[in-house]
Amino acid sequence: MNITRLSSKGQVVLPKAIREAHGWQPGTRLAVQEVPGGVLLRPAKPFPPTTFAQVEGSLKSRGRPKTLEEMDEGIRKAIRERHARGRY
């Protein structure tokens, strides 16, 4: 277990081993959540949650829409390619 201390300014230094294990660099934004028995730190999401209605139509489409069959075939093709590279 690592021990740290709260500064007079309310700052906490996370031990280097923890920062490295999570890949947290200086400037990483962390969300702080109160949980039973303490607090939970996790990387803050870069964007606030959105609904489909908020982002619908935000990207321009090129060409005709794909059919369900074309989308299914595209997924099958990507799975075959990923499997062939040994990346599941």
PDB file of N, CA and C in Angstrom:
ATOM      1  N   MET A   1       0.848  -1.172   0.000  1.00  0.00           N
ATOM      2  CA  MET A   1       0.000   0.000   0.000  1.00  0.00           C
ATOM      3  C   MET A   1       0.892   1.233   0.000  1.00  0.00           C
ATOM      4  N   ASN A   2       0.530   2.203  -0.831  1.00  0.00           N
ATOM      5  CA  ASN A   2       1.239   3.473  -0.883  1.00  0.00           C
ATOM      6  C   ASN A   2       0.559   4.475   0.040  1.00  0.00           C
ATOM      7  N   ILE A   3       1.342   5.308   0.669  1.00  0.00           N
ATOM      8  CA  ILE A   3       0.819   6.336   1.567  1.00  0.00           C
ATOM      9  C   ILE A   3       1.220   7.693   1.000  1.00  0.00           C
ATOM     10  N   THR A   4       0.316   8.628   1.015  1.00  0.00           N
ATOM     11  CA  THR A   4       0.605   9.998   0.601  1.00  0.00           C
ATOM     12  C   THR A   4      -0.007  10.924   1.630  1.00  0.00           C
ATOM     13  N   ARG A   5       0.131  12.205   1.437  1.00  0.00           N
ATOM     14  CA  ARG A   5      -0.351  13.152   2.439  1.00  0.00           C
ATOM     15  C   ARG A   5      -1.062  14.300   1.737  1.00  0.00           C
ATOM     16  N   LEU A   6      -2.029  14.873   2.408  1.00  0.00           N
ATOM     17  CA  LEU A   6      -2.796  16.013   1.907  1.00  0.00           C
ATOM     18  C   LEU A   6      -2.059  17.288   2.291  1.00  0.00           C
ATOM     19  N   SER A   7      -1.791  18.154   1.323  1.00  0.00           N
ATOM     20  CA  SER A   7      -1.074  19.398   1.612  1.00  0.00           C
ATOM     21  C   SER A   7      -2.032  20.437   2.198  1.00  0.00           C
ATOM     22  N   SER A   8      -1.465  21.540   2.667  1.00  0.00           N
ATOM     23  CA  SER A   8      -2.289  22.621   3.226  1.00  0.00           C
ATOM     24  C   SER A   8      -3.182  23.243   2.158  1.00  0.00           C
ATOM     25  N   LYS A   9      -2.845  23.035   0.880  1.00  0.00           N
ATOM     26  CA  LYS A   9      -3.654  23.554  -0.228  1.00  0.00           C
ATOM     27  C   LYS A   9      -4.656  22.521  -0.732  1.00  0.00           C
ATOM     28  N   GLY A  10      -4.749  21.375  -0.057  1.00  0.00           N
ATOM     29  CA  GLY A  10      -5.680  20.339  -0.463  1.00  0.00           C
ATOM     30  C   GLY A  10      -5.180  19.482  -1.602  1.00  0.00           C
ATOM     31  N   GLN A  11      -3.878  19.507  -1.868  1.00  0.00           N
ATOM     32  CA  GLN A  11      -3.306  18.726  -2.957  1.00  0.00           C
ATOM     33  C   GLN A  11      -2.798  17.381  -2.450  1.00  0.00           C
ATOM     34  N   VAL A  12      -2.906  16.379  -3.315  1.00  0.00           N
ATOM     35  CA  VAL A  12      -2.421  15.033  -3.010  1.00  0.00           C
ATOM     36  C   VAL A  12      -1.444  14.645  -4.111  1.00  0.00           C
ATOM     37  N   VAL A  13      -0.294  14.117  -3.732  1.00  0.00           N
ATOM     38  CA  VAL A  13       0.672  13.615  -4.709  1.00  0.00           C
ATOM     39  C   VAL A  13       0.439  12.123  -4.851  1.00  0.00           C
ATOM     40  N   LEU A  14       0.174  11.703  -6.092  1.00  0.00           N
ATOM     41  CA  LEU A  14      -0.006  10.273  -6.352  1.00  0.00           C
ATOM     42  C   LEU A  14       1.372   9.639  -6.532  1.00  0.00           C
ATOM     43  N   PRO A  15       1.628   8.518  -5.893  1.00  0.00           N
ATOM     44  CA  PRO A  15       2.929   7.864  -6.027  1.00  0.00           C
ATOM     45  C   PRO A  15       3.260   7.572  -7.498  1.00  0.00           C
ATOM     46  N   LYS A  16       4.542   7.675  -7.822  1.00  0.00           N
ATOM     47  CA  LYS A  16       5.012   7.493  -9.194  1.00  0.00           C
ATOM     48  C   LYS A  16       4.575   6.149  -9.773  1.00  0.00           C
ATOM     49  N   ALA A  17       4.642   5.093  -8.984  1.00  0.00           N
ATOM     50  CA  ALA A  17       4.265   3.758  -9.482  1.00  0.00           C
ATOM     51  C   ALA A  17       2.808   3.743  -9.934  1.00  0.00           C
ATOM     52  N   ILE A  18       1.942   4.432  -9.210  1.00  0.00           N
ATOM     53  CA  ILE A  18       0.513   4.484  -9.581  1.00  0.00           C
ATOM     54  C   ILE A  18       0.340   5.300 -10.857  1.00  0.00           C
ATOM     55  N   ARG A  19       1.006   6.454 -10.934  1.00  0.00           N
ATOM     56  CA  ARG A  19       0.894   7.291 -12.135  1.00  0.00           C
ATOM     57  C   ARG A  19       1.381   6.532 -13.365  1.00  0.00           C
ATOM     58  N   GLU A  20       2.507   5.841 -13.226  1.00  0.00           N
ATOM     59  CA  GLU A  20       3.046   5.094 -14.364  1.00  0.00           C
ATOM     60  C   GLU A  20       2.155   3.922 -14.750  1.00  0.00           C
ATOM     61  N   ALA A  21       1.594   3.232 -13.771  1.00  0.00           N
ATOM     62  CA  ALA A  21       0.739   2.078 -14.054  1.00  0.00           C
ATOM     63  C   ALA A  21      -0.501   2.484 -14.849  1.00  0.00           C
ATOM     64  N   HIS A  22      -0.979   3.701 -14.610  1.00  0.00           N
ATOM     65  CA  HIS A  22      -2.183   4.172 -15.303  1.00  0.00           C
ATOM     66  C   HIS A  22      -1.865   5.060 -16.494  1.00  0.00           C
ATOM     67  N   GLY A  23      -0.586   5.375 -16.687  1.00  0.00           N
ATOM     68  CA  GLY A  23      -0.203   6.230 -17.808  1.00  0.00           C
ATOM     69  C   GLY A  23      -0.631   7.675 -17.609  1.00  0.00           C
ATOM     70  N   TRP A  24      -0.763   8.111 -16.361  1.00  0.00           N
ATOM     71  CA  TRP A  24      -1.190   9.481 -16.069  1.00  0.00           C
ATOM     72  C   TRP A  24       0.012  10.402 -16.106  1.00  0.00           C
ATOM     73  N   GLN A  25      -0.017  11.367 -16.998  1.00  0.00           N
ATOM     74  CA  GLN A  25       1.044  12.357 -17.157  1.00  0.00           C
ATOM     75  C   GLN A  25       0.638  13.652 -16.464  1.00  0.00           C
ATOM     76  N   PRO A  26       1.596  14.571 -16.236  1.00  0.00           N
ATOM     77  CA  PRO A  26       1.223  15.876 -15.683  1.00  0.00           C
ATOM     78  C   PRO A  26       0.150  16.519 -16.552  1.00  0.00           C
ATOM     79  N   GLY A  27      -0.844  17.073 -15.929  1.00  0.00           N
ATOM     80  CA  GLY A  27      -1.946  17.701 -16.663  1.00  0.00           C
ATOM     81  C   GLY A  27      -3.129  16.778 -16.912  1.00  0.00           C
ATOM     82  N   THR A  28      -2.998  15.492 -16.593  1.00  0.00           N
ATOM     83  CA  THR A  28      -4.121  14.565 -16.767  1.00  0.00           C
ATOM     84  C   THR A  28      -5.274  15.026 -15.879  1.00  0.00           C
ATOM     85  N   ARG A  29      -6.451  15.142 -16.467  1.00  0.00           N
ATOM     86  CA  ARG A  29      -7.628  15.543 -15.695  1.00  0.00           C
ATOM     87  C   ARG A  29      -8.240  14.299 -15.075  1.00  0.00           C
ATOM     88  N   LEU A  30      -8.478  14.348 -13.768  1.00  0.00           N
ATOM     89  CA  LEU A  30      -9.040  13.216 -13.046  1.00  0.00           C
ATOM     90  C   LEU A  30     -10.389  13.592 -12.465  1.00  0.00           C
ATOM     91  N   ALA A  31     -11.355  12.715 -12.638  1.00  0.00           N
ATOM     92  CA  ALA A  31     -12.663  12.887 -12.006  1.00  0.00           C
ATOM     93  C   ALA A  31     -12.574  12.287 -10.603  1.00  0.00           C
ATOM     94  N   VAL A  32     -13.108  12.997  -9.627  1.00  0.00           N
ATOM     95  CA  VAL A  32     -13.088  12.546  -8.237  1.00  0.00           C
ATOM     96  C   VAL A  32     -14.521  12.211  -7.846  1.00  0.00           C
ATOM     97  N   GLN A  33     -14.729  10.981  -7.377  1.00  0.00           N
ATOM     98  CA  GLN A  33     -16.065  10.529  -7.005  1.00  0.00           C
ATOM     99  C   GLN A  33     -16.028  10.028  -5.567  1.00  0.00           C
ATOM    100  N   GLU A  34     -16.974  10.494  -4.776  1.00  0.00           N
ATOM    101  CA  GLU A  34     -17.069  10.018  -3.401  1.00  0.00           C
ATOM    102  C   GLU A  34     -17.759   8.658  -3.410  1.00  0.00           C
ATOM    103  N   VAL A  35     -17.140   7.686  -2.758  1.00  0.00           N
ATOM    104  CA  VAL A  35     -17.687   6.334  -2.657  1.00  0.00           C
ATOM    105  C   VAL A  35     -17.657   5.921  -1.193  1.00  0.00           C
ATOM    106  N   PRO A  36     -18.430   4.907  -0.821  1.00  0.00           N
ATOM    107  CA  PRO A  36     -18.379   4.466   0.574  1.00  0.00           C
ATOM    108  C   PRO A  36     -16.943   4.120   0.984  1.00  0.00           C
ATOM    109  N   GLY A  37     -16.490   4.723   2.035  1.00  0.00           N
ATOM    110  CA  GLY A  37     -15.163   4.425   2.552  1.00  0.00           C
ATOM    111  C   GLY A  37     -14.040   5.242   1.942  1.00  0.00           C
ATOM    112  N   GLY A  38     -14.313   6.170   1.033  1.00  0.00           N
ATOM    113  CA  GLY A  38     -13.226   6.961   0.469  1.00  0.00           C
ATOM    114  C   GLY A  38     -13.605   7.693  -0.794  1.00  0.00           C
ATOM    115  N   VAL A  39     -12.620   7.852  -1.668  1.00  0.00           N
ATOM    116  CA  VAL A  39     -12.836   8.529  -2.945  1.00  0.00           C
ATOM    117  C   VAL A  39     -12.260   7.658  -4.064  1.00  0.00           C
ATOM    118  N   LEU A  40     -12.772   7.875  -5.270  1.00  0.00           N
ATOM    119  CA  LEU A  40     -12.327   7.142  -6.447  1.00  0.00           C
ATOM    120  C   LEU A  40     -11.823   8.162  -7.455  1.00  0.00           C
ATOM    121  N   LEU A  41     -10.619   7.944  -7.986  1.00  0.00           N
ATOM    122  CA  LEU A  41     -10.061   8.789  -9.044  1.00  0.00           C
ATOM    123  C   LEU A  41     -10.086   8.013 -10.345  1.00  0.00           C
ATOM    124  N   ARG A  42     -10.501   8.672 -11.404  1.00  0.00           N
ATOM    125  CA  ARG A  42     -10.439   8.066 -12.728  1.00  0.00           C
ATOM    126  C   ARG A  42     -10.241   9.181 -13.746  1.00  0.00           C
ATOM    127  N   PRO A  43      -9.652   8.872 -14.894  1.00  0.00           N
ATOM    128  CA  PRO A  43      -9.465   9.922 -15.901  1.00  0.00           C
ATOM    129  C   PRO A  43     -10.820  10.526 -16.281  1.00  0.00           C
ATOM    130  N   ALA A  44     -10.850  11.853 -16.355  1.00  0.00           N
ATOM    131  CA  ALA A  44     -12.084  12.545 -16.737  1.00  0.00           C
ATOM    132  C   ALA A  44     -12.331  12.306 -18.220  1.00  0.00           C
ATOM    133  N   LYS A  45     -13.570  12.122 -18.582  1.00  0.00           N
ATOM    134  CA  LYS A  45     -13.920  11.952 -19.988  1.00  0.00           C
ATOM    135  C   LYS A  45     -13.722  13.293 -20.688  1.00  0.00           C
ATOM    136  N   PRO A  46     -13.169  13.273 -21.904  1.00  0.00           N
ATOM    137  CA  PRO A  46     -12.865  14.537 -22.568  1.00  0.00           C
ATOM    138  C   PRO A  46     -14.101  15.332 -22.982  1.00  0.00           C
ATOM    139  N   PHE A  47     -15.233  14.670 -23.107  1.00  0.00           N
ATOM    140  CA  PHE A  47     -16.448  15.359 -23.540  1.00  0.00           C
ATOM    141  C   PHE A  47     -17.591  14.987 -22.608  1.00  0.00           C
ATOM    142  N   PRO A  48     -18.507  15.899 -22.384  1.00  0.00           N
ATOM    143  CA  PRO A  48     -19.660  15.552 -21.552  1.00  0.00           C
ATOM    144  C   PRO A  48     -20.550  14.546 -22.270  1.00  0.00           C
ATOM    145  N   PRO A  49     -21.338  13.772 -21.532  1.00  0.00           N
ATOM    146  CA  PRO A  49     -22.241  12.821 -22.172  1.00  0.00           C
ATOM    147  C   PRO A  49     -23.208  13.544 -23.113  1.00  0.00           C
ATOM    148  N   THR A  50     -23.509  12.918 -24.232  1.00  0.00           N
ATOM    149  CA  THR A  50     -24.440  13.496 -25.194  1.00  0.00           C
ATOM    150  C   THR A  50     -25.471  12.453 -25.599  1.00  0.00           C
ATOM    151  N   THR A  51     -26.525  12.930 -26.193  1.00  0.00           N
ATOM    152  CA  THR A  51     -27.549  12.031 -26.727  1.00  0.00           C
ATOM    153  C   THR A  51     -27.416  11.990 -28.243  1.00  0.00           C
ATOM    154  N   PHE A  52     -28.030  11.007 -28.844  1.00  0.00           N
ATOM    155  CA  PHE A  52     -27.991  10.899 -30.293  1.00  0.00           C
ATOM    156  C   PHE A  52     -28.580  12.150 -30.940  1.00  0.00           C
ATOM    157  N   ALA A  53     -29.657  12.663 -30.369  1.00  0.00           N
ATOM    158  CA  ALA A  53     -30.315  13.842 -30.936  1.00  0.00           C
ATOM    159  C   ALA A  53     -29.368  15.047 -30.975  1.00  0.00           C
ATOM    160  N   GLN A  54     -28.434  15.125 -30.027  1.00  0.00           N
ATOM    161  CA  GLN A  54     -27.508  16.250 -29.979  1.00  0.00           C
ATOM    162  C   GLN A  54     -26.431  16.175 -31.060  1.00  0.00           C
ATOM    163  N   VAL A  55     -26.101  14.988 -31.526  1.00  0.00           N
ATOM    164  CA  VAL A  55     -25.024  14.850 -32.512  1.00  0.00           C
ATOM    165  C   VAL A  55     -25.513  14.401 -33.881  1.00  0.00           C
ATOM    166  N   GLU A  56     -26.762  14.044 -33.982  1.00  0.00           N
ATOM    167  CA  GLU A  56     -27.343  13.578 -35.236  1.00  0.00           C
ATOM    168  C   GLU A  56     -27.124  14.616 -36.338  1.00  0.00           C
ATOM    169  N   GLY A  57     -26.610  14.152 -37.460  1.00  0.00           N
ATOM    170  CA  GLY A  57     -26.410  15.034 -38.602  1.00  0.00           C
ATOM    171  C   GLY A  57     -25.168  15.907 -38.513  1.00  0.00           C
ATOM    172  N   SER A  58     -24.317  15.688 -37.524  1.00  0.00           N
ATOM    173  CA  SER A  58     -23.140  16.544 -37.378  1.00  0.00           C
ATOM    174  C   SER A  58     -22.022  16.179 -38.360  1.00  0.00           C
ATOM    175  N   LEU A  59     -22.063  14.985 -38.921  1.00  0.00           N
ATOM    176  CA  LEU A  59     -21.065  14.571 -39.901  1.00  0.00           C
ATOM    177  C   LEU A  59     -21.688  14.522 -41.289  1.00  0.00           C
ATOM    178  N   LYS A  60     -20.933  15.011 -42.253  1.00  0.00           N
ATOM    179  CA  LYS A  60     -21.430  14.961 -43.629  1.00  0.00           C
ATOM    180  C   LYS A  60     -21.282  13.548 -44.163  1.00  0.00           C
ATOM    181  N   SER A  61     -22.258  13.126 -44.924  1.00  0.00           N
ATOM    182  CA  SER A  61     -22.192  11.789 -45.497  1.00  0.00           C
ATOM    183  C   SER A  61     -21.837  11.915 -46.971  1.00  0.00           C
ATOM    184  N   ARG A  62     -21.109  10.935 -47.464  1.00  0.00           N
ATOM    185  CA  ARG A  62     -20.741  10.909 -48.879  1.00  0.00           C
ATOM    186  C   ARG A  62     -21.367   9.679 -49.512  1.00  0.00           C
ATOM    187  N   GLY A  63     -22.024   9.867 -50.591  1.00  0.00           N
ATOM    188  CA  GLY A  63     -22.603   8.728 -51.291  1.00  0.00           C
ATOM    189  C   GLY A  63     -23.923   8.280 -50.684  1.00  0.00           C
ATOM    190  N   ARG A  64     -24.402   7.187 -51.205  1.00  0.00           N
ATOM    191  CA  ARG A  64     -25.688   6.669 -50.743  1.00  0.00           C
ATOM    192  C   ARG A  64     -25.515   5.948 -49.416  1.00  0.00           C
ATOM    193  N   PRO A  65     -26.578   5.868 -48.630  1.00  0.00           N
ATOM    194  CA  PRO A  65     -26.488   5.128 -47.367  1.00  0.00           C
ATOM    195  C   PRO A  65     -26.235   3.647 -47.630  1.00  0.00           C
ATOM    196  N   LYS A  66     -25.520   2.992 -46.736  1.00  0.00           N
ATOM    197  CA  LYS A  66     -25.243   1.555 -46.850  1.00  0.00           C
ATOM    198  C   LYS A  66     -26.475   0.763 -46.411  1.00  0.00           C
ATOM    199  N   THR A  67     -26.666  -0.372 -47.048  1.00  0.00           N
ATOM    200  CA  THR A  67     -27.756  -1.251 -46.640  1.00  0.00           C
ATOM    201  C   THR A  67     -27.298  -2.057 -45.429  1.00  0.00           C
ATOM    202  N   LEU A  68     -28.230  -2.690 -44.745  1.00  0.00           N
ATOM    203  CA  LEU A  68     -27.869  -3.537 -43.609  1.00  0.00           C
ATOM    204  C   LEU A  68     -26.957  -4.667 -44.056  1.00  0.00           C
ATOM    205  N   GLU A  69     -27.207  -5.212 -45.246  1.00  0.00           N
ATOM    206  CA  GLU A  69     -26.376  -6.292 -45.760  1.00  0.00           C
ATOM    207  C   GLU A  69     -24.943  -5.802 -45.993  1.00  0.00           C
ATOM    208  N   GLU A  70     -24.794  -4.595 -46.536  1.00  0.00           N
ATOM    209  CA  GLU A  70     -23.455  -4.044 -46.771  1.00  0.00           C
ATOM    210  C   GLU A  70     -22.735  -3.785 -45.450  1.00  0.00           C
ATOM    211  N   MET A  71     -23.457  -3.297 -44.454  1.00  0.00           N
ATOM    212  CA  MET A  71     -22.842  -3.067 -43.142  1.00  0.00           C
ATOM    213  C   MET A  71     -22.414  -4.389 -42.514  1.00  0.00           C
ATOM    214  N   ASP A  72     -23.285  -5.405 -42.591  1.00  0.00           N
ATOM    215  CA  ASP A  72     -22.944  -6.725 -42.046  1.00  0.00           C
ATOM    216  C   ASP A  72     -21.702  -7.291 -42.733  1.00  0.00           C
ATOM    217  N   GLU A  73     -21.630  -7.147 -44.058  1.00  0.00           N
ATOM    218  CA  GLU A  73     -20.470  -7.653 -44.787  1.00  0.00           C
ATOM    219  C   GLU A  73     -19.209  -6.887 -44.383  1.00  0.00           C
ATOM    220  N   GLY A  74     -19.306  -5.598 -44.190  1.00  0.00           N
ATOM    221  CA  GLY A  74     -18.163  -4.806 -43.738  1.00  0.00           C
ATOM    222  C   GLY A  74     -17.666  -5.266 -42.377  1.00  0.00           C
ATOM    223  N   ILE A  75     -18.578  -5.588 -41.484  1.00  0.00           N
ATOM    224  CA  ILE A  75     -18.203  -6.090 -40.156  1.00  0.00           C
ATOM    225  C   ILE A  75     -17.527  -7.444 -40.287  1.00  0.00           C
ATOM    226  N   ARG A  76     -18.105  -8.338 -41.104  1.00  0.00           N
ATOM    227  CA  ARG A  76     -17.492  -9.658 -41.311  1.00  0.00           C
ATOM    228  C   ARG A  76     -16.083  -9.526 -41.872  1.00  0.00           C
ATOM    229  N   LYS A  77     -15.912  -8.622 -42.837  1.00  0.00           N
ATOM    230  CA  LYS A  77     -14.597  -8.411 -43.448  1.00  0.00           C
ATOM    231  C   LYS A  77     -13.588  -7.918 -42.416  1.00  0.00           C
ATOM    232  N   ALA A  78     -13.987  -6.970 -41.589  1.00  0.00           N
ATOM    233  CA  ALA A  78     -13.075  -6.442 -40.563  1.00  0.00           C
ATOM    234  C   ALA A  78     -12.700  -7.521 -39.555  1.00  0.00           C
ATOM    235  N   ILE A  79     -13.655  -8.375 -39.193  1.00  0.00           N
ATOM    236  CA  ILE A  79     -13.366  -9.472 -38.255  1.00  0.00           C
ATOM    237  C   ILE A  79     -12.383 -10.449 -38.878  1.00  0.00           C
ATOM    238  N   ARG A  80     -12.588 -10.800 -40.158  1.00  0.00           N
ATOM    239  CA  ARG A  80     -11.660 -11.715 -40.839  1.00  0.00           C
ATOM    240  C   ARG A  80     -10.254 -11.122 -40.885  1.00  0.00           C
ATOM    241  N   GLU A  81     -10.155  -9.827 -41.217  1.00  0.00           N
ATOM    242  CA  GLU A  81      -8.841  -9.178 -41.307  1.00  0.00           C
ATOM    243  C   GLU A  81      -8.169  -9.127 -39.935  1.00  0.00           C
ATOM    244  N   ARG A  82      -8.919  -8.782 -38.910  1.00  0.00           N
ATOM    245  CA  ARG A  82      -8.353  -8.710 -37.563  1.00  0.00           C
ATOM    246  C   ARG A  82      -7.908 -10.097 -37.096  1.00  0.00           C
ATOM    247  N   HIS A  83      -8.726 -11.101 -37.401  1.00  0.00           N
ATOM    248  CA  HIS A  83      -8.382 -12.478 -37.023  1.00  0.00           C
ATOM    249  C   HIS A  83      -7.108 -12.924 -37.743  1.00  0.00           C
ATOM    250  N   ALA A  84      -6.971 -12.568 -39.017  1.00  0.00           N
ATOM    251  CA  ALA A  84      -5.778 -12.943 -39.789  1.00  0.00           C
ATOM    252  C   ALA A  84      -4.516 -12.307 -39.228  1.00  0.00           C
ATOM    253  N   ARG A  85      -4.641 -11.119 -38.634  1.00  0.00           N
ATOM    254  CA  ARG A  85      -3.483 -10.439 -38.029  1.00  0.00           C
ATOM    255  C   ARG A  85      -3.232 -10.900 -36.597  1.00  0.00           C
ATOM    256  N   GLY A  86      -4.122 -11.751 -36.073  1.00  0.00           N
ATOM    257  CA  GLY A  86      -3.952 -12.223 -34.712  1.00  0.00           C
ATOM    258  C   GLY A  86      -4.391 -11.216 -33.669  1.00  0.00           C
ATOM    259  N   ARG A  87      -5.203 -10.237 -34.056  1.00  0.00           N
ATOM    260  CA  ARG A  87      -5.705  -9.224 -33.121  1.00  0.00           C
ATOM    261  C   ARG A  87      -7.194  -9.426 -32.960  1.00  0.00           C
ATOM    262  N   TYR A  88      -7.594  -9.901 -31.814  1.00  0.00           N
ATOM    263  CA  TYR A  88      -9.009 -10.193 -31.592  1.00  0.00           C
ATOM    264  C   TYR A  88      -9.630  -9.005 -30.989  1.00  0.00           C
TER     265      TYR A  88
END
